[in-house]
N, C-alpha and C. Protein backbone atom coordinates (compact mmCIF):
# COMPACT_ATOMS: atom_id res chain seq x y z
N MET A 1 19.73 -2.73 57.78
CA MET A 1 20.56 -2.96 56.56
C MET A 1 20.52 -5.16 56.11
N VAL A 2 20.47 -5.03 57.64
CA VAL A 2 20.52 -7.08 57.75
C VAL A 2 19.10 -7.05 57.78
N ALA A 3 18.69 -6.37 58.36
CA ALA A 3 16.89 -6.70 58.42
C ALA A 3 16.37 -6.70 56.85
N LEU A 4 16.73 -5.80 55.78
CA LEU A 4 16.67 -5.07 54.19
C LEU A 4 16.89 -6.70 53.36
N LEU A 5 18.28 -7.09 53.95
CA LEU A 5 18.63 -7.73 53.11
C LEU A 5 18.20 -9.27 53.10
N ALA A 6 17.12 -9.48 54.76
CA ALA A 6 16.28 -10.84 55.03
C ALA A 6 15.37 -10.47 54.59
N SER A 7 14.32 -9.56 53.83
CA SER A 7 13.53 -9.61 53.59
C SER A 7 13.37 -9.75 52.56
N ALA A 8 14.96 -8.72 51.55
CA ALA A 8 14.82 -9.57 50.88
C ALA A 8 15.21 -10.92 50.07
N ALA A 9 15.43 -11.59 50.64
CA ALA A 9 15.67 -12.92 50.38
C ALA A 9 14.38 -13.58 50.03
N ALA A 10 13.78 -12.84 51.53
CA ALA A 10 12.40 -13.58 51.86
C ALA A 10 11.51 -13.58 50.35
N VAL A 11 11.32 -12.27 49.91
CA VAL A 11 10.71 -11.58 49.07
C VAL A 11 10.68 -12.59 47.93
N SER A 12 12.26 -12.93 47.54
CA SER A 12 12.72 -13.44 46.30
C SER A 12 12.83 -14.72 46.24
N GLY A 13 12.76 -15.22 47.56
CA GLY A 13 12.41 -17.08 47.83
C GLY A 13 10.88 -16.09 47.08
N CYS A 14 10.20 -16.07 47.90
CA CYS A 14 8.84 -15.93 47.15
C CYS A 14 8.17 -15.99 45.45
N ALA A 15 8.75 -15.00 45.38
CA ALA A 15 8.66 -14.78 43.49
C ALA A 15 9.32 -15.76 42.72
N GLN A 16 10.40 -16.69 43.07
CA GLN A 16 10.47 -17.86 42.34
C GLN A 16 9.59 -18.85 42.82
N ILE A 17 8.68 -19.17 43.90
CA ILE A 17 7.57 -20.22 43.90
C ILE A 17 6.41 -19.30 43.17
N GLY A 18 6.34 -17.62 43.35
CA GLY A 18 5.00 -17.58 42.53
C GLY A 18 5.01 -17.81 40.80
N ASP A 19 6.15 -17.83 40.45
CA ASP A 19 6.73 -17.31 38.63
C ASP A 19 6.13 -19.15 38.22
N SER A 20 6.03 -20.12 38.89
CA SER A 20 5.22 -21.86 38.69
C SER A 20 4.29 -21.96 38.55
N VAL A 21 3.64 -20.72 39.20
CA VAL A 21 2.08 -21.15 39.95
C VAL A 21 1.14 -19.37 39.33
N PRO A 22 0.13 -20.74 38.31
CA PRO A 22 -0.28 -19.50 37.31
C PRO A 22 -0.83 -18.16 38.11
N SER A 23 -0.58 -16.73 37.65
CA SER A 23 -0.92 -16.00 38.45
C SER A 23 -2.74 -16.16 38.49
N ALA A 24 -3.30 -15.00 39.23
CA ALA A 24 -4.77 -15.07 39.73
C ALA A 24 -5.42 -13.98 39.04
N PHE A 25 -4.74 -13.19 38.13
CA PHE A 25 -4.92 -12.64 36.74
C PHE A 25 -4.92 -12.56 35.82
N ALA A 26 -4.43 -14.37 35.53
CA ALA A 26 -4.97 -14.54 34.54
C ALA A 26 -5.27 -15.05 34.21
N ASP A 27 -6.65 -15.15 33.50
CA ASP A 27 -7.92 -15.82 32.95
C ASP A 27 -7.58 -16.84 31.99
N PRO A 28 -7.61 -18.26 32.41
CA PRO A 28 -7.72 -18.97 31.02
C PRO A 28 -8.32 -18.97 29.64
N ALA A 29 -9.51 -19.29 30.27
CA ALA A 29 -10.07 -18.46 28.52
C ALA A 29 -10.24 -17.38 27.85
N LYS A 30 -9.24 -16.46 28.35
CA LYS A 30 -8.91 -14.96 27.39
C LYS A 30 -8.29 -15.56 25.40
N TYR A 31 -7.60 -16.70 26.05
CA TYR A 31 -7.62 -16.38 24.04
C TYR A 31 -8.32 -17.49 23.19
N ASP A 32 -9.25 -17.79 23.59
CA ASP A 32 -10.32 -19.78 23.21
C ASP A 32 -10.91 -18.87 21.80
N LEU A 33 -11.20 -17.63 21.84
CA LEU A 33 -12.13 -16.45 20.72
C LEU A 33 -10.11 -16.00 19.45
N TYR A 34 -9.17 -16.19 19.72
CA TYR A 34 -8.26 -15.54 18.98
C TYR A 34 -7.78 -16.42 18.31
N ASP A 35 -7.86 -15.94 17.19
CA ASP A 35 -7.53 -16.41 15.35
C ASP A 35 -5.63 -16.27 15.63
N CYS A 36 -5.24 -16.96 14.74
CA CYS A 36 -4.08 -17.09 14.60
C CYS A 36 -3.35 -15.40 15.12
N LYS A 37 -3.91 -14.90 13.70
CA LYS A 37 -3.42 -13.84 13.69
C LYS A 37 -3.28 -12.89 15.49
N GLN A 38 -4.43 -12.92 15.82
CA GLN A 38 -4.42 -12.53 16.67
C GLN A 38 -3.83 -12.60 17.64
N LEU A 39 -3.43 -14.18 17.68
CA LEU A 39 -2.43 -14.65 18.96
C LEU A 39 -0.62 -14.27 18.52
N GLU A 40 -0.52 -13.67 17.54
CA GLU A 40 0.60 -13.81 17.20
C GLU A 40 1.12 -12.09 17.13
N ALA A 41 0.09 -11.51 17.49
CA ALA A 41 0.52 -9.75 17.81
C ALA A 41 0.25 -10.41 19.51
N GLU A 42 -0.71 -10.89 19.84
CA GLU A 42 -0.49 -10.73 21.32
C GLU A 42 0.44 -10.86 21.79
N ARG A 43 1.05 -12.04 20.99
CA ARG A 43 2.16 -12.17 21.49
C ARG A 43 3.49 -11.74 22.00
N ALA A 44 3.89 -10.61 20.44
CA ALA A 44 5.12 -9.97 20.44
C ALA A 44 4.69 -9.00 21.15
N SER A 45 3.32 -8.78 21.70
CA SER A 45 3.05 -8.06 23.40
C SER A 45 3.65 -8.17 24.25
N LEU A 46 3.35 -9.50 24.83
CA LEU A 46 4.21 -9.78 25.69
C LEU A 46 4.43 -9.88 25.72
N LYS A 47 6.18 -10.33 24.91
CA LYS A 47 6.95 -10.53 25.02
C LYS A 47 7.83 -8.80 25.42
N ALA A 48 7.06 -7.91 24.42
CA ALA A 48 7.45 -6.46 24.97
C ALA A 48 7.98 -6.21 26.33
N ARG A 49 6.02 -6.78 26.57
CA ARG A 49 6.29 -6.14 28.02
C ARG A 49 6.65 -6.48 28.88
N ALA A 50 6.86 -8.35 28.77
CA ALA A 50 7.45 -9.00 29.61
C ALA A 50 9.69 -8.60 29.85
N THR A 51 9.97 -7.81 28.74
CA THR A 51 11.28 -7.35 27.79
C THR A 51 11.22 -5.83 29.21
N GLU A 52 10.22 -5.02 29.23
CA GLU A 52 10.20 -3.96 29.50
C GLU A 52 10.56 -4.33 31.59
N GLN A 53 9.45 -4.77 31.91
CA GLN A 53 9.47 -5.34 33.23
C GLN A 53 10.70 -6.26 33.58
N GLU A 54 11.30 -6.73 32.80
CA GLU A 54 12.68 -7.11 33.50
C GLU A 54 13.83 -6.48 33.47
N ARG A 55 13.35 -5.27 32.23
CA ARG A 55 14.61 -4.02 32.11
C ARG A 55 14.00 -3.35 33.76
N LEU A 56 13.25 -3.28 34.18
CA LEU A 56 12.44 -2.05 35.18
C LEU A 56 12.85 -2.93 36.36
N MET A 57 12.97 -3.68 36.62
CA MET A 57 13.48 -4.75 37.60
C MET A 57 15.03 -4.94 37.74
N ALA A 58 15.61 -4.53 36.59
CA ALA A 58 17.54 -4.68 36.85
C ALA A 58 17.76 -3.52 37.06
N LYS A 59 16.92 -2.37 36.65
CA LYS A 59 16.98 -1.11 36.86
C LYS A 59 17.53 -0.43 38.12
N ALA A 60 15.66 -0.96 38.88
CA ALA A 60 15.39 -0.99 40.63
C ALA A 60 16.47 -1.97 40.80
N GLU A 61 16.91 -2.79 40.95
CA GLU A 61 18.20 -3.16 41.64
C GLU A 61 19.47 -2.66 41.59
N THR A 62 19.78 -2.24 40.98
CA THR A 62 20.96 -1.04 41.11
C THR A 62 21.28 0.26 41.99
N GLY A 63 20.45 0.42 42.69
CA GLY A 63 19.68 1.36 43.68
C GLY A 63 19.83 0.00 45.50
N VAL A 64 20.18 1.74 46.21
CA VAL A 64 19.91 0.82 47.26
C VAL A 64 18.41 0.69 48.01
N GLY A 65 18.77 -1.14 48.17
CA GLY A 65 16.75 -1.49 48.42
C GLY A 65 16.78 -1.97 47.72
N GLY A 66 16.93 -2.19 46.42
CA GLY A 66 16.94 -2.55 44.99
C GLY A 66 16.02 -3.69 44.71
N THR A 67 16.45 -4.55 45.39
CA THR A 67 16.44 -5.34 45.22
C THR A 67 14.75 -5.11 45.82
N VAL A 68 14.36 -5.53 47.30
CA VAL A 68 13.07 -5.38 47.77
C VAL A 68 11.45 -4.87 46.93
N VAL A 69 12.84 -3.31 46.15
CA VAL A 69 12.05 -2.59 45.37
C VAL A 69 11.64 -3.48 44.65
N SER A 70 12.27 -3.65 43.75
CA SER A 70 12.35 -4.77 42.12
C SER A 70 11.17 -6.18 43.18
N GLU A 71 11.19 -6.64 43.48
CA GLU A 71 10.80 -7.45 43.70
C GLU A 71 9.30 -6.90 43.94
N MET A 72 8.76 -6.12 45.20
CA MET A 72 7.73 -5.71 45.76
C MET A 72 6.88 -4.66 44.49
N VAL A 73 7.39 -4.18 43.57
CA VAL A 73 6.75 -3.84 42.90
C VAL A 73 6.56 -4.06 41.40
N TYR A 74 7.69 -5.26 40.89
CA TYR A 74 7.46 -5.17 39.73
C TYR A 74 7.97 -6.64 39.77
N ARG A 75 7.37 -7.91 40.09
CA ARG A 75 7.73 -8.67 40.10
C ARG A 75 6.24 -9.55 40.16
N ASN A 76 5.46 -9.04 40.74
CA ASN A 76 3.61 -9.14 40.82
C ASN A 76 3.08 -9.01 38.70
N GLU A 77 3.83 -7.97 38.16
CA GLU A 77 2.74 -8.12 37.49
C GLU A 77 4.21 -8.97 36.01
N LEU A 78 5.31 -9.43 36.23
CA LEU A 78 5.87 -9.68 35.74
C LEU A 78 5.04 -11.26 35.75
N ILE A 79 4.99 -11.88 36.97
CA ILE A 79 4.17 -13.31 36.83
C ILE A 79 3.08 -13.17 36.29
N SER A 80 1.97 -12.22 36.32
CA SER A 80 0.93 -11.88 35.29
C SER A 80 1.21 -12.17 34.09
N ILE A 81 2.49 -11.46 33.84
CA ILE A 81 2.78 -11.45 32.16
C ILE A 81 2.77 -12.23 31.67
N HIS A 82 4.40 -13.99 32.20
CA HIS A 82 4.57 -14.75 32.48
C HIS A 82 3.30 -16.31 32.72
N SER A 83 1.73 -15.49 33.06
CA SER A 83 1.00 -16.98 33.23
C SER A 83 0.39 -16.50 31.69
N GLN A 84 0.07 -15.51 31.34
CA GLN A 84 -0.80 -14.46 29.78
C GLN A 84 0.29 -15.63 29.08
N GLN A 85 1.14 -15.26 28.87
CA GLN A 85 2.49 -15.91 27.96
C GLN A 85 1.88 -17.26 27.57
N LYS A 86 2.00 -18.16 29.30
CA LYS A 86 1.92 -19.77 28.95
C LYS A 86 0.55 -19.88 28.68
N LEU A 87 -0.73 -19.34 28.65
CA LEU A 87 -2.29 -19.10 28.11
C LEU A 87 -1.68 -19.03 26.79
N GLU A 88 -1.17 -18.18 26.24
CA GLU A 88 -1.39 -17.77 24.85
C GLU A 88 -0.66 -18.66 23.69
N GLU A 89 0.44 -19.33 24.68
CA GLU A 89 0.94 -20.29 23.78
C GLU A 89 0.36 -21.58 23.70
N GLU A 90 -0.72 -22.50 24.74
CA GLU A 90 -1.40 -22.77 25.23
C GLU A 90 -2.24 -23.00 23.55
N ALA A 91 -3.08 -21.53 23.67
CA ALA A 91 -4.22 -21.53 22.73
C ALA A 91 -3.53 -21.44 21.32
N TRP A 92 -1.94 -20.44 20.76
CA TRP A 92 -1.06 -20.97 19.74
C TRP A 92 -1.25 -22.48 19.66
N ARG A 93 -0.91 -23.29 20.28
CA ARG A 93 -0.50 -25.24 20.21
C ARG A 93 -1.55 -25.42 19.80
N LYS A 94 -2.55 -25.05 20.42
CA LYS A 94 -4.18 -25.78 20.08
C LYS A 94 -4.94 -25.31 18.74
N GLY A 95 -3.81 -23.98 18.72
CA GLY A 95 -4.49 -23.49 17.18
C GLY A 95 -3.70 -24.54 15.55
N LYS A 96 -2.90 -24.97 16.51
CA LYS A 96 -1.85 -25.17 14.92
C LYS A 96 -1.59 -24.03 14.32
N CYS A 97 -0.87 -22.52 15.29
CA CYS A 97 -0.42 -21.77 14.49
C CYS A 97 0.92 -21.40 14.38
N HIS A 98 1.25 -20.61 13.20
CA HIS A 98 2.72 -20.44 13.04
C HIS A 98 3.33 -18.82 12.09
N GLU A 99 3.96 -18.58 12.84
CA GLU A 99 4.40 -17.51 12.50
C GLU A 99 4.69 -17.39 11.57
N THR A 100 4.37 -15.87 10.86
CA THR A 100 4.33 -14.78 10.05
C THR A 100 5.16 -14.89 9.05
N PRO A 101 5.55 -15.45 7.79
CA PRO A 101 7.39 -14.74 7.44
C PRO A 101 7.17 -13.48 7.22
N PRO A 102 8.72 -12.91 7.38
CA PRO A 102 8.47 -11.50 7.19
C PRO A 102 8.53 -10.81 5.44
N ASP A 103 8.37 -10.30 5.77
CA ASP A 103 8.27 -9.59 3.97
C ASP A 103 9.47 -9.69 3.28
N THR A 104 9.56 -10.65 2.68
CA THR A 104 11.19 -10.60 1.37
C THR A 104 11.73 -9.03 1.24
N PRO A 105 12.96 -8.69 0.88
CA PRO A 105 12.90 -7.13 0.08
C PRO A 105 11.87 -7.18 -0.96
N ALA A 106 11.94 -7.79 -1.66
CA ALA A 106 11.35 -8.12 -3.30
C ALA A 106 9.99 -7.72 -3.30
N ALA A 107 9.67 -8.30 -2.19
CA ALA A 107 7.83 -8.66 -2.11
C ALA A 107 7.63 -7.34 -1.49
N ALA A 108 7.84 -6.74 -0.63
CA ALA A 108 7.61 -5.64 -0.04
C ALA A 108 7.85 -3.87 -1.08
N ALA A 109 9.22 -4.55 -2.16
CA ALA A 109 9.11 -3.30 -3.30
C ALA A 109 8.86 -2.54 -4.51
N PRO A 110 8.14 -1.64 -4.34
CA PRO A 110 6.68 -1.45 -5.22
C PRO A 110 7.97 -1.84 -6.75
N ALA A 111 6.99 -2.49 -7.70
CA ALA A 111 7.37 -3.02 -8.84
C ALA A 111 7.92 -1.51 -9.57
N ALA A 112 9.10 -1.57 -10.57
CA ALA A 112 9.87 -0.94 -11.15
C ALA A 112 8.60 -0.62 -12.54
N PRO A 113 7.98 0.64 -12.47
CA PRO A 113 7.47 0.74 -14.01
C PRO A 113 7.99 0.51 -15.04
N THR A 114 6.88 0.07 -15.80
CA THR A 114 7.90 -0.36 -16.99
C THR A 114 8.29 0.65 -17.91
N PRO A 115 9.66 0.94 -18.39
CA PRO A 115 9.83 1.88 -19.73
C PRO A 115 8.84 2.31 -20.85
N ALA A 116 9.00 3.14 -21.03
CA ALA A 116 8.04 3.31 -22.34
C ALA A 116 9.24 3.20 -23.37
N PRO A 117 8.35 2.43 -25.24
CA PRO A 117 9.22 1.67 -25.93
C PRO A 117 9.80 2.58 -26.72
N LYS A 118 10.83 2.86 -27.10
CA LYS A 118 11.81 3.43 -27.78
C LYS A 118 11.52 3.95 -29.40
N GLY A 119 11.62 5.26 -29.38
CA GLY A 119 11.21 5.10 -30.66
C GLY A 119 11.06 6.72 -31.65
N PRO A 120 10.75 6.20 -32.41
CA PRO A 120 9.96 8.08 -33.04
C PRO A 120 8.61 8.26 -32.50
N ARG A 121 8.25 9.64 -31.42
CA ARG A 121 7.09 9.16 -31.09
C ARG A 121 6.61 11.14 -31.62
N ALA A 122 5.12 10.82 -32.16
CA ALA A 122 4.86 11.81 -32.66
C ALA A 122 4.92 13.79 -31.49
N PRO A 123 4.60 14.65 -31.83
CA PRO A 123 4.89 15.67 -30.92
C PRO A 123 3.67 15.65 -30.40
N ARG A 124 3.63 15.69 -29.23
CA ARG A 124 2.53 16.29 -28.59
C ARG A 124 2.12 17.45 -28.46
N GLY A 125 0.05 17.12 -28.59
CA GLY A 125 -0.35 18.25 -29.00
C GLY A 125 -1.08 17.88 -30.78
N LEU A 126 -0.33 16.62 -31.12
CA LEU A 126 -0.58 16.54 -32.90
C LEU A 126 -1.03 15.32 -32.75
N VAL A 127 -2.15 15.50 -33.54
CA VAL A 127 -3.25 14.21 -33.43
C VAL A 127 -3.21 13.79 -34.60
N HIS A 128 -3.01 12.45 -35.08
CA HIS A 128 -2.83 12.19 -36.95
C HIS A 128 -3.78 11.33 -37.00
């Protein structure tokens, strides 16, 4: 048990260092040709991936030896995602991108049909 805790502490210390160092798996030029719309989609995707990775790590840490499992299995992927997020953020700033405003309810709803004018109508089938 002591060896397991010592391993967890050692791995945890390395992981904290790794968070500040760019990952070898993040291509610095990956986002150079992305436009703002593509960057916005990538931003959302990376955020979802990071959240899922953090959820998996938290779940793993609830079990016996979970911290070691969490660090060894999930930490490198999370570091890679964070590195990609940093590169995407740099491209976002360089491109002077802005968030797309969400659709307003009035703009998203279809226009109501125009009511027919009221008054006497000729019976169907009759032509004047």
